[in-house]
Amino acid sequence: MRQVYINGKFVPETEAKISIYDSSLMFGDMVFEMTRSFNKNQFKLKEHLVRLYDSLKYVHIPLRMSIDEMEKACLETIEKNEPFFKETDEHRLMINVSRGPLSIYSEIFDGKLEPLVIISDFPLKWTVSGMGDLFDTGINAVIPSQRAIPSYLLDAKIKNRSRIHYMMANIEVSNLPGSNNWPLLLDPDGFIAEGTGDNFFIVKDGELYTPEPRNILRGISRQYVFDLANELGIKYHEKNLELYDVVTSDEAFMTGTPFCMLPVTKINGMNISNGNRGNIFNSLLSQWSDNVGLNIEQQIKTFNSEMKNYASEGSTPYRFKND
């Protein structure tokens, strides 16, 4: 059985629990990171951990565990769980850190209050289930009424668990016809912000454009697209984007850790350009695949074939269904 790391100990996944008095349950007071592997090798683990520790610093969670100790715990978690993964599986780590039990309940814990560190390891194929077809059909990005929370209220650069606004956007978009609708949030000023767990790019005249890093999470995959663009000699810009810019763009796509890149071929049901994924998307995805030593698109499609008998109902990280 897969094992979960909880504050220095490993417990079976089915027995991993947190206190009902934990700050994460009371306030959504938790920061986190999700990583993935390619060919069983973690991708950008250090960068994810740097962002995690930046979030910890910003929200004043007094974690004594060093970033090197955290990295060691992550790798140990993978090692513990590798026997339960197929040869073709990839490791999706989920690293959650909360402030721990609230101080008013200290008596229950004999005065020992400390941050809670949870590291779980789960096959990536469950997270990307159903995404394989999107490489062909593309995503229909839908602007919901739910807005992104502006940085002056809650800074989106902190990857945190207070995400009910994401779920409200998912629920709204799920009520529309079609199965490939993903929310694309505007910020309070009406500019394009981000999806509910992904960053957004458009292509215009052969150059990349993405929202400025103000009211968005500065994604690790987003940054890697910049690196890929530099490799390929593609210019990129961070700037305020309006819906008009998306409607009149030549291409669009989403980026996120589990799936890397997915094409966006429609916005609010309207075709973007000819309604097909574009050449810049293809070039970037191909370069990413070359760099990590596997065909990313084919891997996710293969995962989806494996998962066809395990249809998921209800909410998932990237989909919300009403049963």
C-alpha atoms as a PDB file:
ATOM      1  CA  MET A   1       0.000   0.000   0.000  1.00  0.00           C
ATOM      2  CA  ARG A   2       1.213   3.507  -0.828  1.00  0.00           C
ATOM      3  CA  GLN A   3       2.720   5.430   2.079  1.00  0.00           C
ATOM      4  CA  VAL A   4       2.224   9.066   3.089  1.00  0.00           C
ATOM      5  CA  TYR A   5       4.820  11.163   4.904  1.00  0.00           C
ATOM      6  CA  ILE A   6       3.354  13.037   7.886  1.00  0.00           C
ATOM      7  CA  ASN A   7       5.748  15.011  10.069  1.00  0.00           C
ATOM      8  CA  GLY A   8       8.616  12.564   9.784  1.00  0.00           C
ATOM      9  CA  LYS A   9       6.612   9.332   9.838  1.00  0.00           C
ATOM     10  CA  PHE A  10       5.191   7.160   7.082  1.00  0.00           C
ATOM     11  CA  VAL A  11       1.644   5.854   7.365  1.00  0.00           C
ATOM     12  CA  PRO A  12      -0.527   3.891   4.918  1.00  0.00           C
ATOM     13  CA  GLU A  13      -2.409   6.157   2.528  1.00  0.00           C
ATOM     14  CA  THR A  14      -5.779   4.966   3.851  1.00  0.00           C
ATOM     15  CA  GLU A  15      -4.773   5.896   7.404  1.00  0.00           C
ATOM     16  CA  ALA A  16      -3.355   9.360   6.678  1.00  0.00           C
ATOM     17  CA  LYS A  17      -5.354  11.871   8.729  1.00  0.00           C
ATOM     18  CA  ILE A  18      -5.202  15.412  10.069  1.00  0.00           C
ATOM     19  CA  SER A  19      -6.805  16.856  13.189  1.00  0.00           C
ATOM     20  CA  ILE A  20     -10.254  18.408  13.032  1.00  0.00           C
ATOM     21  CA  TYR A  21      -8.637  21.361  14.837  1.00  0.00           C
ATOM     22  CA  ASP A  22      -5.954  21.925  12.209  1.00  0.00           C
ATOM     23  CA  SER A  23      -5.696  25.460  10.852  1.00  0.00           C
ATOM     24  CA  SER A  24      -6.055  24.136   7.312  1.00  0.00           C
ATOM     25  CA  LEU A  25      -9.558  22.886   8.122  1.00  0.00           C
ATOM     26  CA  MET A  26     -10.523  25.981  10.087  1.00  0.00           C
ATOM     27  CA  PHE A  27      -9.172  28.636   7.708  1.00  0.00           C
ATOM     28  CA  GLY A  28      -7.899  26.930   4.555  1.00  0.00           C
ATOM     29  CA  ASP A  29      -4.578  27.929   6.117  1.00  0.00           C
ATOM     30  CA  MET A  30      -2.267  25.704   4.086  1.00  0.00           C
ATOM     31  CA  VAL A  31       0.247  26.158   1.299  1.00  0.00           C
ATOM     32  CA  PHE A  32       1.110  23.407  -1.120  1.00  0.00           C
ATOM     33  CA  GLU A  33       2.903  22.252  -4.245  1.00  0.00           C
ATOM     34  CA  MET A  34       2.188  19.514  -6.742  1.00  0.00           C
ATOM     35  CA  THR A  35       5.019  18.046  -8.817  1.00  0.00           C
ATOM     36  CA  ARG A  36       5.324  15.389 -11.489  1.00  0.00           C
ATOM     37  CA  SER A  37       7.984  13.126 -12.909  1.00  0.00           C
ATOM     38  CA  PHE A  38       9.121  12.254 -16.419  1.00  0.00           C
ATOM     39  CA  ASN A  39      10.448   8.711 -16.749  1.00  0.00           C
ATOM     40  CA  LYS A  40      10.221   8.552 -12.932  1.00  0.00           C
ATOM     41  CA  ASN A  41      12.558  11.561 -12.529  1.00  0.00           C
ATOM     42  CA  GLN A  42      11.066  14.548 -10.718  1.00  0.00           C
ATOM     43  CA  PHE A  43      10.762  17.644 -12.905  1.00  0.00           C
ATOM     44  CA  LYS A  44      11.685  21.012 -11.383  1.00  0.00           C
ATOM     45  CA  LEU A  45      11.324  19.679  -7.827  1.00  0.00           C
ATOM     46  CA  LYS A  46      13.718  22.284  -6.447  1.00  0.00           C
ATOM     47  CA  GLU A  47      11.836  25.116  -8.144  1.00  0.00           C
ATOM     48  CA  HIS A  48       8.565  23.879  -6.655  1.00  0.00           C
ATOM     49  CA  LEU A  49      10.131  23.712  -3.204  1.00  0.00           C
ATOM     50  CA  VAL A  50      11.579  27.215  -3.514  1.00  0.00           C
ATOM     51  CA  ARG A  51       8.081  28.495  -4.303  1.00  0.00           C
ATOM     52  CA  LEU A  52       6.690  26.490  -1.381  1.00  0.00           C
ATOM     53  CA  TYR A  53       9.159  28.063   1.029  1.00  0.00           C
ATOM     54  CA  ASP A  54       8.453  31.513  -0.388  1.00  0.00           C
ATOM     55  CA  SER A  55       4.753  30.895   0.351  1.00  0.00           C
ATOM     56  CA  LEU A  56       5.595  29.677   3.874  1.00  0.00           C
ATOM     57  CA  LYS A  57       7.578  32.831   4.519  1.00  0.00           C
ATOM     58  CA  TYR A  58       4.839  35.096   3.208  1.00  0.00           C
ATOM     59  CA  VAL A  59       2.101  33.536   5.380  1.00  0.00           C
ATOM     60  CA  HIS A  60       4.356  33.225   8.458  1.00  0.00           C
ATOM     61  CA  ILE A  61       4.154  29.449   8.919  1.00  0.00           C
ATOM     62  CA  PRO A  62       7.167  28.751  11.192  1.00  0.00           C
ATOM     63  CA  LEU A  63       8.383  25.522   9.613  1.00  0.00           C
ATOM     64  CA  ARG A  64      11.734  24.427  11.046  1.00  0.00           C
ATOM     65  CA  MET A  65      12.312  21.833   8.345  1.00  0.00           C
ATOM     66  CA  SER A  66      14.913  23.097   5.871  1.00  0.00           C
ATOM     67  CA  ILE A  67      14.332  23.035   2.120  1.00  0.00           C
ATOM     68  CA  ASP A  68      17.042  20.371   1.776  1.00  0.00           C
ATOM     69  CA  GLU A  69      15.299  18.247   4.409  1.00  0.00           C
ATOM     70  CA  MET A  70      12.026  18.717   2.543  1.00  0.00           C
ATOM     71  CA  GLU A  71      13.625  17.592  -0.705  1.00  0.00           C
ATOM     72  CA  LYS A  72      15.056  14.520   1.030  1.00  0.00           C
ATOM     73  CA  ALA A  73      11.612  13.682   2.456  1.00  0.00           C
ATOM     74  CA  CYS A  74      10.071  14.001  -1.021  1.00  0.00           C
ATOM     75  CA  LEU A  75      12.598  11.627  -2.556  1.00  0.00           C
ATOM     76  CA  GLU A  76      12.193   9.196   0.335  1.00  0.00           C
ATOM     77  CA  THR A  77       8.421   9.240  -0.195  1.00  0.00           C
ATOM     78  CA  ILE A  78       8.930   8.347  -3.853  1.00  0.00           C
ATOM     79  CA  GLU A  79      11.314   5.547  -2.919  1.00  0.00           C
ATOM     80  CA  LYS A  80       8.788   4.113  -0.442  1.00  0.00           C
ATOM     81  CA  ASN A  81       6.040   4.121  -3.049  1.00  0.00           C
ATOM     82  CA  GLU A  82       7.891   3.039  -6.174  1.00  0.00           C
ATOM     83  CA  PRO A  83       7.056  -0.671  -5.591  1.00  0.00           C
ATOM     84  CA  PHE A  84       3.354   0.203  -5.890  1.00  0.00           C
ATOM     85  CA  PHE A  85       3.747   2.026  -9.219  1.00  0.00           C
ATOM     86  CA  LYS A  86       3.722   0.415 -12.644  1.00  0.00           C
ATOM     87  CA  GLU A  87       6.837   0.738 -14.764  1.00  0.00           C
ATOM     88  CA  THR A  88       5.032   3.215 -17.020  1.00  0.00           C
ATOM     89  CA  ASP A  89       3.537   5.286 -14.169  1.00  0.00           C
ATOM     90  CA  GLU A  90       4.755   8.729 -13.180  1.00  0.00           C
ATOM     91  CA  HIS A  91       5.007  10.046  -9.619  1.00  0.00           C
ATOM     92  CA  ARG A  92       2.724  12.958  -8.767  1.00  0.00           C
ATOM     93  CA  LEU A  93       3.827  14.385  -5.418  1.00  0.00           C
ATOM     94  CA  MET A  94       1.454  16.507  -3.333  1.00  0.00           C
ATOM     95  CA  ILE A  95       3.232  18.524  -0.649  1.00  0.00           C
ATOM     96  CA  ASN A  96       0.933  20.241   1.869  1.00  0.00           C
ATOM     97  CA  VAL A  97       2.078  22.364   4.807  1.00  0.00           C
ATOM     98  CA  SER A  98      -0.330  23.867   7.344  1.00  0.00           C
ATOM     99  CA  ARG A  99       0.214  25.962  10.459  1.00  0.00           C
ATOM    100  CA  GLY A 100      -0.966  22.990  12.519  1.00  0.00           C
ATOM    101  CA  PRO A 101      -3.604  22.869  15.274  1.00  0.00           C
ATOM    102  CA  LEU A 102      -4.956  26.195  16.480  1.00  0.00           C
ATOM    103  CA  SER A 103      -3.532  27.357  19.793  1.00  0.00           C
ATOM    104  CA  ILE A 104      -6.893  27.362  21.605  1.00  0.00           C
ATOM    105  CA  TYR A 105      -6.797  23.553  21.332  1.00  0.00           C
ATOM    106  CA  SER A 106      -3.264  23.218  22.697  1.00  0.00           C
ATOM    107  CA  GLU A 107      -4.502  21.302  25.746  1.00  0.00           C
ATOM    108  CA  ILE A 108      -5.599  18.451  23.481  1.00  0.00           C
ATOM    109  CA  PHE A 109      -2.082  18.203  22.063  1.00  0.00           C
ATOM    110  CA  ASP A 110      -0.260  18.567  25.408  1.00  0.00           C
ATOM    111  CA  GLY A 111       0.912  21.990  24.332  1.00  0.00           C
ATOM    112  CA  LYS A 112       2.849  20.585  21.378  1.00  0.00           C
ATOM    113  CA  LEU A 113       1.747  22.708  18.450  1.00  0.00           C
ATOM    114  CA  GLU A 114       3.762  22.544  15.247  1.00  0.00           C
ATOM    115  CA  PRO A 115       3.239  22.912  11.505  1.00  0.00           C
ATOM    116  CA  LEU A 116       1.913  19.893   9.675  1.00  0.00           C
ATOM    117  CA  VAL A 117       3.856  18.534   6.693  1.00  0.00           C
ATOM    118  CA  ILE A 118       2.148  15.981   4.449  1.00  0.00           C
ATOM    119  CA  ILE A 119       3.780  14.464   1.364  1.00  0.00           C
ATOM    120  CA  SER A 120       1.710  12.036  -0.676  1.00  0.00           C
ATOM    121  CA  ASP A 121       2.623  10.203  -3.868  1.00  0.00           C
ATOM    122  CA  PHE A 122      -0.064   9.327  -6.376  1.00  0.00           C
ATOM    123  CA  PRO A 123       0.053   7.994  -9.968  1.00  0.00           C
ATOM    124  CA  LEU A 124      -0.105  10.968 -12.337  1.00  0.00           C
ATOM    125  CA  LYS A 125      -2.473   9.152 -14.700  1.00  0.00           C
ATOM    126  CA  TRP A 126      -5.395   9.734 -12.315  1.00  0.00           C
ATOM    127  CA  THR A 127      -4.854  13.502 -12.380  1.00  0.00           C
ATOM    128  CA  VAL A 128      -4.692  13.726 -16.198  1.00  0.00           C
ATOM    129  CA  SER A 129      -7.537  11.279 -16.770  1.00  0.00           C
ATOM    130  CA  GLY A 130      -9.695  12.523 -19.641  1.00  0.00           C
ATOM    131  CA  MET A 131      -7.203  15.121 -20.863  1.00  0.00           C
ATOM    132  CA  GLY A 132      -5.827  13.083 -23.775  1.00  0.00           C
ATOM    133  CA  ASP A 133      -8.638  14.062 -26.142  1.00  0.00           C
ATOM    134  CA  LEU A 134      -8.024  17.749 -25.434  1.00  0.00           C
ATOM    135  CA  PHE A 135      -4.786  17.620 -27.424  1.00  0.00           C
ATOM    136  CA  ASP A 136      -7.028  17.014 -30.452  1.00  0.00           C
ATOM    137  CA  THR A 137     -10.215  18.930 -29.666  1.00  0.00           C
ATOM    138  CA  GLY A 138      -8.672  21.726 -27.639  1.00  0.00           C
ATOM    139  CA  ILE A 139     -10.192  23.483 -24.636  1.00  0.00           C
ATOM    140  CA  ASN A 140     -13.125  25.876 -24.820  1.00  0.00           C
ATOM    141  CA  ALA A 141     -12.032  28.609 -22.393  1.00  0.00           C
ATOM    142  CA  VAL A 142     -15.082  30.165 -20.740  1.00  0.00           C
ATOM    143  CA  ILE A 143     -15.104  33.456 -18.854  1.00  0.00           C
ATOM    144  CA  PRO A 144     -17.184  32.866 -15.689  1.00  0.00           C
ATOM    145  CA  SER A 145     -18.791  35.525 -13.521  1.00  0.00           C
ATOM    146  CA  GLN A 146     -16.399  34.528 -10.716  1.00  0.00           C
ATOM    147  CA  ARG A 147     -13.373  36.827 -10.779  1.00  0.00           C
ATOM    148  CA  ALA A 148      -9.817  36.106  -9.729  1.00  0.00           C
ATOM    149  CA  ILE A 149      -9.033  37.351  -6.236  1.00  0.00           C
ATOM    150  CA  PRO A 150      -6.816  40.441  -6.594  1.00  0.00           C
ATOM    151  CA  SER A 151      -3.401  40.475  -4.993  1.00  0.00           C
ATOM    152  CA  TYR A 152      -4.407  43.255  -2.596  1.00  0.00           C
ATOM    153  CA  LEU A 153      -6.930  40.848  -1.024  1.00  0.00           C
ATOM    154  CA  LEU A 154      -5.057  37.548  -1.280  1.00  0.00           C
ATOM    155  CA  ASP A 155      -1.885  37.299  -3.301  1.00  0.00           C
ATOM    156  CA  ALA A 156      -2.278  34.575  -5.937  1.00  0.00           C
ATOM    157  CA  LYS A 157       1.498  34.104  -5.952  1.00  0.00           C
ATOM    158  CA  ILE A 158       0.994  32.211  -2.672  1.00  0.00           C
ATOM    159  CA  LYS A 159      -0.062  28.702  -3.697  1.00  0.00           C
ATOM    160  CA  ASN A 160      -2.653  28.117  -1.004  1.00  0.00           C
ATOM    161  CA  ARG A 161      -5.645  25.945  -0.203  1.00  0.00           C
ATOM    162  CA  SER A 162      -8.148  28.829   0.108  1.00  0.00           C
ATOM    163  CA  ARG A 163      -9.523  28.060  -3.357  1.00  0.00           C
ATOM    164  CA  ILE A 164     -13.304  28.033  -3.164  1.00  0.00           C
ATOM    165  CA  HIS A 165     -13.405  30.774  -5.821  1.00  0.00           C
ATOM    166  CA  TYR A 166     -11.797  28.285  -8.215  1.00  0.00           C
ATOM    167  CA  MET A 167     -14.463  25.713  -7.406  1.00  0.00           C
ATOM    168  CA  MET A 168     -17.263  28.265  -7.916  1.00  0.00           C
ATOM    169  CA  ALA A 169     -15.862  29.022 -11.373  1.00  0.00           C
ATOM    170  CA  ASN A 170     -15.660  25.292 -12.121  1.00  0.00           C
ATOM    171  CA  ILE A 171     -19.259  24.758 -11.049  1.00  0.00           C
ATOM    172  CA  GLU A 172     -20.517  27.643 -13.181  1.00  0.00           C
ATOM    173  CA  VAL A 173     -18.683  26.470 -16.288  1.00  0.00           C
ATOM    174  CA  SER A 174     -19.714  22.842 -15.736  1.00  0.00           C
ATOM    175  CA  ASN A 175     -23.358  23.834 -16.249  1.00  0.00           C
ATOM    176  CA  LEU A 176     -22.675  24.783 -19.874  1.00  0.00           C
ATOM    177  CA  PRO A 177     -23.090  22.294 -22.749  1.00  0.00           C
ATOM    178  CA  GLY A 178     -19.957  20.435 -23.757  1.00  0.00           C
ATOM    179  CA  SER A 179     -17.278  18.468 -21.929  1.00  0.00           C
ATOM    180  CA  ASN A 180     -14.187  20.515 -22.745  1.00  0.00           C
ATOM    181  CA  ASN A 181     -15.105  23.769 -20.992  1.00  0.00           C
ATOM    182  CA  TRP A 182     -12.442  25.184 -18.660  1.00  0.00           C
ATOM    183  CA  PRO A 183     -12.782  28.454 -16.737  1.00  0.00           C
ATOM    184  CA  LEU A 184     -10.588  31.409 -17.611  1.00  0.00           C
ATOM    185  CA  LEU A 185     -10.879  34.037 -14.890  1.00  0.00           C
ATOM    186  CA  LEU A 186     -10.696  37.791 -15.294  1.00  0.00           C
ATOM    187  CA  ASP A 187      -9.186  39.965 -12.599  1.00  0.00           C
ATOM    188  CA  PRO A 188     -11.267  42.776 -11.030  1.00  0.00           C
ATOM    189  CA  ASP A 189      -9.970  45.189 -13.687  1.00  0.00           C
ATOM    190  CA  GLY A 190     -11.309  42.995 -16.487  1.00  0.00           C
ATOM    191  CA  PHE A 191      -7.958  41.654 -17.642  1.00  0.00           C
ATOM    192  CA  ILE A 192      -7.309  37.964 -18.305  1.00  0.00           C
ATOM    193  CA  ALA A 193      -5.844  36.354 -15.180  1.00  0.00           C
ATOM    194  CA  GLU A 194      -5.595  32.552 -15.061  1.00  0.00           C
ATOM    195  CA  GLY A 195      -7.521  29.309 -15.084  1.00  0.00           C
ATOM    196  CA  THR A 196      -8.467  27.342 -11.987  1.00  0.00           C
ATOM    197  CA  GLY A 197      -5.073  25.686 -11.692  1.00  0.00           C
ATOM    198  CA  ASP A 198      -3.378  26.706 -14.919  1.00  0.00           C
ATOM    199  CA  ASN A 199      -1.750  29.655 -16.635  1.00  0.00           C
ATOM    200  CA  PHE A 200      -2.824  31.073 -19.989  1.00  0.00           C
ATOM    201  CA  PHE A 201      -0.963  32.093 -23.149  1.00  0.00           C
ATOM    202  CA  ILE A 202      -1.932  33.469 -26.538  1.00  0.00           C
ATOM    203  CA  VAL A 203       0.079  33.710 -29.745  1.00  0.00           C
ATOM    204  CA  LYS A 204      -0.091  36.707 -32.054  1.00  0.00           C
ATOM    205  CA  ASP A 205       2.075  37.162 -35.151  1.00  0.00           C
ATOM    206  CA  GLY A 206       4.452  34.444 -34.016  1.00  0.00           C
ATOM    207  CA  GLU A 207       5.053  35.870 -30.527  1.00  0.00           C
ATOM    208  CA  LEU A 208       3.848  34.693 -27.106  1.00  0.00           C
ATOM    209  CA  TYR A 209       1.766  36.799 -24.733  1.00  0.00           C
ATOM    210  CA  THR A 210       0.719  35.904 -21.186  1.00  0.00           C
ATOM    211  CA  PRO A 211      -0.836  37.914 -18.334  1.00  0.00           C
ATOM    212  CA  GLU A 212       1.598  39.924 -16.274  1.00  0.00           C
ATOM    213  CA  PRO A 213       2.509  38.244 -12.950  1.00  0.00           C
ATOM    214  CA  ARG A 214       0.253  40.373 -10.778  1.00  0.00           C
ATOM    215  CA  ASN A 215      -3.029  38.613  -9.992  1.00  0.00           C
ATOM    216  CA  ILE A 216      -1.871  35.126 -10.992  1.00  0.00           C
ATOM    217  CA  LEU A 217       0.150  32.215  -9.684  1.00  0.00           C
ATOM    218  CA  ARG A 218       3.596  32.355 -11.246  1.00  0.00           C
ATOM    219  CA  GLY A 219       3.499  28.815 -12.548  1.00  0.00           C
ATOM    220  CA  ILE A 220       6.555  26.589 -12.830  1.00  0.00           C
ATOM    221  CA  SER A 221       5.275  25.362 -16.204  1.00  0.00           C
ATOM    222  CA  ARG A 222       4.626  28.968 -17.234  1.00  0.00           C
ATOM    223  CA  GLN A 223       8.255  29.792 -16.509  1.00  0.00           C
ATOM    224  CA  TYR A 224       9.432  26.715 -18.384  1.00  0.00           C
ATOM    225  CA  VAL A 225       7.529  27.864 -21.482  1.00  0.00           C
ATOM    226  CA  PHE A 226       9.681  31.003 -21.319  1.00  0.00           C
ATOM    227  CA  ASP A 227      12.754  28.761 -21.234  1.00  0.00           C
ATOM    228  CA  LEU A 228      11.457  26.785 -24.218  1.00  0.00           C
ATOM    229  CA  ALA A 229      10.703  30.005 -26.088  1.00  0.00           C
ATOM    230  CA  ASN A 230      14.299  31.117 -25.550  1.00  0.00           C
ATOM    231  CA  GLU A 231      15.533  27.785 -26.917  1.00  0.00           C
ATOM    232  CA  LEU A 232      13.366  28.181 -30.003  1.00  0.00           C
ATOM    233  CA  GLY A 233      13.978  31.901 -30.538  1.00  0.00           C
ATOM    234  CA  ILE A 234      10.342  32.838 -29.877  1.00  0.00           C
ATOM    235  CA  LYS A 235       9.726  36.235 -28.315  1.00  0.00           C
ATOM    236  CA  TYR A 236       7.429  36.403 -25.293  1.00  0.00           C
ATOM    237  CA  HIS A 237       5.706  39.222 -23.418  1.00  0.00           C
ATOM    238  CA  GLU A 238       4.046  39.557 -20.019  1.00  0.00           C
ATOM    239  CA  LYS A 239       1.295  42.162 -20.293  1.00  0.00           C
ATOM    240  CA  ASN A 240      -2.335  42.896 -19.521  1.00  0.00           C
ATOM    241  CA  LEU A 241      -4.560  40.989 -21.920  1.00  0.00           C
ATOM    242  CA  GLU A 242      -8.200  41.721 -22.665  1.00  0.00           C
ATOM    243  CA  LEU A 243     -10.833  39.319 -23.958  1.00  0.00           C
ATOM    244  CA  TYR A 244     -10.494  41.081 -27.317  1.00  0.00           C
ATOM    245  CA  ASP A 245      -6.858  39.995 -27.479  1.00  0.00           C
ATOM    246  CA  VAL A 246      -7.853  36.361 -26.988  1.00  0.00           C
ATOM    247  CA  VAL A 247     -10.670  36.488 -29.554  1.00  0.00           C
ATOM    248  CA  THR A 248      -8.330  37.962 -32.181  1.00  0.00           C
ATOM    249  CA  SER A 249      -5.291  35.813 -31.356  1.00  0.00           C
ATOM    250  CA  ASP A 250      -3.738  33.215 -33.655  1.00  0.00           C
ATOM    251  CA  GLU A 251      -3.387  30.511 -30.974  1.00  0.00           C
ATOM    252  CA  ALA A 252      -3.930  29.977 -27.284  1.00  0.00           C
ATOM    253  CA  PHE A 253      -3.008  27.359 -24.716  1.00  0.00           C
ATOM    254  CA  MET A 254      -2.984  26.508 -21.018  1.00  0.00           C
ATOM    255  CA  THR A 255      -0.009  25.339 -18.981  1.00  0.00           C
ATOM    256  CA  GLY A 256       0.015  23.302 -15.772  1.00  0.00           C
ATOM    257  CA  THR A 257       2.202  20.778 -14.010  1.00  0.00           C
ATOM    258  CA  PRO A 258       0.176  17.587 -14.670  1.00  0.00           C
ATOM    259  CA  PHE A 259      -0.434  18.061 -18.405  1.00  0.00           C
ATOM    260  CA  CYS A 260       2.334  20.557 -19.263  1.00  0.00           C
ATOM    261  CA  MET A 261       0.479  22.209 -22.176  1.00  0.00           C
ATOM    262  CA  LEU A 262      -3.013  21.914 -23.653  1.00  0.00           C
ATOM    263  CA  PRO A 263      -4.358  23.860 -26.644  1.00  0.00           C
ATOM    264  CA  VAL A 264      -7.219  26.309 -26.264  1.00  0.00           C
ATOM    265  CA  THR A 265      -9.143  26.357 -29.538  1.00  0.00           C
ATOM    266  CA  LYS A 266     -12.238  28.296 -28.483  1.00  0.00           C
ATOM    267  CA  ILE A 267     -13.069  31.223 -26.215  1.00  0.00           C
ATOM    268  CA  ASN A 268     -16.669  31.404 -24.996  1.00  0.00           C
ATOM    269  CA  GLY A 269     -17.585  28.973 -27.792  1.00  0.00           C
ATOM    270  CA  MET A 270     -15.989  31.063 -30.570  1.00  0.00           C
ATOM    271  CA  ASN A 271     -13.151  29.607 -32.598  1.00  0.00           C
ATOM    272  CA  ILE A 272      -9.720  31.042 -31.980  1.00  0.00           C
ATOM    273  CA  SER A 273      -8.337  31.512 -35.487  1.00  0.00           C
ATOM    274  CA  ASN A 274      -9.321  28.344 -37.408  1.00  0.00           C
ATOM    275  CA  GLY A 275     -10.294  26.430 -34.272  1.00  0.00           C
ATOM    276  CA  ASN A 276      -7.271  24.128 -34.387  1.00  0.00           C
ATOM    277  CA  ARG A 277      -4.139  23.964 -32.266  1.00  0.00           C
ATOM    278  CA  GLY A 278      -1.333  26.002 -33.727  1.00  0.00           C
ATOM    279  CA  ASN A 279       2.255  25.685 -34.889  1.00  0.00           C
ATOM    280  CA  ILE A 280       3.788  27.558 -31.948  1.00  0.00           C
ATOM    281  CA  PHE A 281       2.014  25.221 -29.533  1.00  0.00           C
ATOM    282  CA  ASN A 282       3.316  22.240 -31.503  1.00  0.00           C
ATOM    283  CA  SER A 283       6.880  23.571 -31.490  1.00  0.00           C
ATOM    284  CA  LEU A 284       6.885  24.262 -27.755  1.00  0.00           C
ATOM    285  CA  LEU A 285       5.338  20.902 -26.842  1.00  0.00           C
ATOM    286  CA  SER A 286       7.755  19.061 -29.127  1.00  0.00           C
ATOM    287  CA  GLN A 287      10.734  20.820 -27.559  1.00  0.00           C
ATOM    288  CA  TRP A 288       9.459  20.068 -24.055  1.00  0.00           C
ATOM    289  CA  SER A 289       9.070  16.400 -25.010  1.00  0.00           C
ATOM    290  CA  ASP A 290      12.597  16.293 -26.438  1.00  0.00           C
ATOM    291  CA  ASN A 291      14.025  17.901 -23.309  1.00  0.00           C
ATOM    292  CA  VAL A 292      12.472  15.358 -20.929  1.00  0.00           C
ATOM    293  CA  GLY A 293      12.986  12.325 -23.131  1.00  0.00           C
ATOM    294  CA  LEU A 294       9.392  11.256 -23.785  1.00  0.00           C
ATOM    295  CA  ASN A 295       6.403  12.182 -25.928  1.00  0.00           C
ATOM    296  CA  ILE A 296       4.216  14.111 -23.449  1.00  0.00           C
ATOM    297  CA  GLU A 297       1.089  14.059 -25.603  1.00  0.00           C
ATOM    298  CA  GLN A 298       1.357  10.347 -26.325  1.00  0.00           C
ATOM    299  CA  GLN A 299       2.016   9.541 -22.658  1.00  0.00           C
ATOM    300  CA  ILE A 300      -1.164  11.310 -21.517  1.00  0.00           C
ATOM    301  CA  LYS A 301      -3.188   9.656 -24.288  1.00  0.00           C
ATOM    302  CA  THR A 302      -1.801   6.273 -23.214  1.00  0.00           C
ATOM    303  CA  PHE A 303      -2.708   7.021 -19.607  1.00  0.00           C
ATOM    304  CA  ASN A 304      -6.237   7.862 -20.745  1.00  0.00           C
ATOM    305  CA  SER A 305      -6.521   4.526 -22.550  1.00  0.00           C
ATOM    306  CA  GLU A 306      -5.472   2.751 -19.362  1.00  0.00           C
ATOM    307  CA  MET A 307      -8.062   4.693 -17.377  1.00  0.00           C
ATOM    308  CA  LYS A 308     -11.034   4.202 -19.720  1.00  0.00           C
ATOM    309  CA  ASN A 309     -12.613   1.674 -17.350  1.00  0.00           C
ATOM    310  CA  TYR A 310     -12.225   4.010 -14.380  1.00  0.00           C
ATOM    311  CA  ALA A 311     -14.515   6.882 -15.342  1.00  0.00           C
ATOM    312  CA  SER A 312     -14.437   9.574 -12.667  1.00  0.00           C
ATOM    313  CA  GLU A 313     -17.669  11.159 -11.520  1.00  0.00           C
ATOM    314  CA  GLY A 314     -18.056  14.344  -9.534  1.00  0.00           C
ATOM    315  CA  SER A 315     -15.331  16.900  -8.950  1.00  0.00           C
ATOM    316  CA  THR A 316     -11.697  16.490  -9.934  1.00  0.00           C
ATOM    317  CA  PRO A 317      -8.836  19.018  -9.869  1.00  0.00           C
ATOM    318  CA  TYR A 318      -9.729  20.129 -13.408  1.00  0.00           C
ATOM    319  CA  ARG A 319     -13.400  19.256 -13.783  1.00  0.00           C
ATOM    320  CA  PHE A 320     -16.619  19.566 -11.822  1.00  0.00           C
ATOM    321  CA  LYS A 321     -19.692  17.536 -12.705  1.00  0.00           C
ATOM    322  CA  ASN A 322     -23.204  17.713 -11.335  1.00  0.00           C
ATOM    323  CA  ASP A 323     -24.456  14.163 -10.832  1.00  0.00           C
END
